[in-house]
Protein backbone atom coordinates (compact mmCIF):
# COMPACT_ATOMS: atom_id res chain seq x y z
CA MET A 1 144.33 -91.95 -3.77
CA TRP A 2 145.45 -89.58 -1.03
CA LEU A 3 142.89 -91.23 1.24
CA LEU A 4 145.08 -94.33 1.47
CA PRO A 5 147.56 -92.76 3.97
CA VAL A 6 144.66 -91.38 6.02
CA PHE A 7 143.03 -94.82 6.01
CA GLY A 8 146.33 -96.37 7.13
CA LEU A 9 146.60 -93.80 9.91
CA ILE A 10 143.07 -94.57 11.11
CA ILE A 11 143.77 -98.33 11.09
CA GLY A 12 147.03 -97.77 12.97
CA LEU A 13 145.29 -95.64 15.59
CA PHE A 14 142.56 -98.27 15.98
CA ILE A 15 145.12 -101.03 16.45
CA GLY A 16 146.95 -98.86 18.96
CA PHE A 17 143.81 -98.23 20.99
CA VAL A 18 142.65 -101.84 21.14
CA SER A 19 146.05 -103.45 21.78
CA PRO A 20 147.11 -104.10 25.38
CA PHE A 21 150.52 -102.45 24.78
CA SER A 22 151.39 -99.66 27.21
CA ILE A 23 154.31 -97.26 27.17
CA PRO A 24 156.33 -96.86 30.38
CA VAL A 25 156.18 -93.38 31.84
CA ASP A 26 159.94 -92.94 31.43
CA TYR A 27 159.63 -93.17 27.64
CA THR A 28 156.59 -90.97 27.06
CA LYS A 29 158.67 -87.98 25.93
CA TYR A 30 160.43 -90.08 23.31
CA PHE A 31 157.26 -91.65 21.98
CA SER A 32 155.32 -88.38 21.93
CA VAL A 33 157.89 -86.58 19.77
CA ALA A 34 158.31 -89.69 17.59
CA ILE A 35 154.57 -89.77 16.94
CA LEU A 36 154.57 -86.04 16.20
CA GLY A 37 157.41 -86.53 13.73
CA ALA A 38 155.53 -89.41 12.09
CA LEU A 39 152.36 -87.34 11.78
CA ASP A 40 154.37 -84.52 10.23
CA SER A 41 155.73 -86.94 7.63
CA VAL A 42 152.28 -88.34 6.84
CA MET A 43 150.81 -84.86 6.36
CA GLY A 44 153.82 -83.89 4.24
CA GLY A 45 153.24 -86.99 2.12
CA ILE A 46 149.59 -86.14 1.61
CA ARG A 47 150.55 -82.59 0.70
CA SER A 48 153.17 -83.70 -1.82
CA TYR A 49 150.70 -86.16 -3.35
CA GLN A 50 148.18 -83.36 -3.82
CA GLU A 51 150.88 -81.25 -5.44
CA ASP A 52 151.74 -84.16 -7.80
CA HIS A 53 155.34 -84.67 -6.68
CA PHE A 54 155.06 -87.54 -4.21
CA ASP A 55 158.09 -89.83 -4.04
CA SER A 56 157.82 -92.92 -1.85
CA THR A 57 161.58 -93.05 -1.20
CA ILE A 58 161.59 -89.49 0.09
CA PHE A 59 158.47 -90.16 2.15
CA LEU A 60 159.80 -93.32 3.80
CA SER A 61 163.25 -91.87 4.47
CA GLY A 62 161.70 -88.70 5.91
CA PHE A 63 159.31 -90.76 8.03
CA ILE A 64 162.11 -92.82 9.55
CA VAL A 65 164.58 -89.94 9.94
CA ASN A 66 161.94 -87.68 11.56
CA ILE A 67 161.10 -90.36 14.12
CA ILE A 68 164.74 -91.11 14.90
CA MET A 69 165.87 -87.48 15.08
CA ALA A 70 162.95 -86.40 17.26
CA SER A 71 163.55 -89.27 19.68
CA LEU A 72 167.30 -88.67 19.65
CA LEU A 73 166.78 -84.98 20.41
CA ALA A 74 164.53 -85.86 23.35
CA PHE A 75 167.04 -88.46 24.56
CA ILE A 76 170.02 -86.06 24.39
CA GLY A 77 168.04 -83.36 26.14
CA ASP A 78 167.03 -85.81 28.84
CA ARG A 79 170.66 -86.82 29.40
CA ILE A 80 171.96 -83.25 29.70
CA GLY A 81 168.98 -82.10 31.78
CA VAL A 82 167.43 -79.73 29.23
CA ASP A 83 163.96 -80.18 27.78
CA LEU A 84 165.10 -80.34 24.14
CA TYR A 85 162.03 -82.36 23.23
CA LEU A 86 160.15 -79.05 23.32
CA ALA A 87 162.21 -77.89 20.33
CA ALA A 88 161.02 -80.95 18.39
CA VAL A 89 157.44 -80.36 19.51
CA VAL A 90 157.54 -76.75 18.31
CA ALA A 91 159.26 -77.58 15.00
CA PHE A 92 157.12 -80.58 14.10
CA GLY A 93 153.95 -78.97 15.43
CA THR A 94 154.50 -75.89 13.28
CA ARG A 95 155.20 -77.97 10.18
CA LEU A 96 152.22 -80.22 10.91
CA PHE A 97 149.80 -77.30 11.08
CA GLN A 98 151.32 -75.70 7.97
CA ASN A 99 150.89 -78.93 6.02
CA ILE A 100 147.32 -79.32 7.25
CA SER A 101 146.46 -75.76 6.20
CA ILE A 102 147.97 -76.32 2.73
CA ILE A 103 146.07 -79.62 2.36
CA ARG A 104 142.88 -77.83 3.39
CA ARG A 105 143.47 -75.12 0.77
CA HIS A 106 144.07 -77.75 -1.92
CA ILE A 107 140.80 -79.49 -1.03
CA ILE A 108 138.85 -76.24 -1.00
CA ASN A 109 140.33 -75.13 -4.34
CA LYS A 110 139.71 -78.53 -5.93
CA TYR A 111 136.15 -79.13 -4.81
CA TYR A 112 134.63 -75.71 -4.22
CA LYS A 113 136.33 -73.49 -6.78
CA THR A 114 136.06 -74.97 -10.21
């Protein structure tokens, strides 16, 4: 069942690649950290599902709050002339790779170590 979020992510990426929508250059910082925050939430959701404590309310609220806070941090940094979006990139990037490594360990333990 954890493949459902991955399938949704793949469908979303496919739709994004084939749609004619383009992001203005001025907003690329905001969208990039928002996407990173969304990916962090998706990987956290997969991880919590594998650990048998997934809660859809926590997932959806975290997904929305991560996107908003990352974009807000990039916006505030842009207004005061400091690259605060880099803080969001480092924080979400670190959490993303930690979640991916934990998911990988769960898969290895489940399928290769009986």
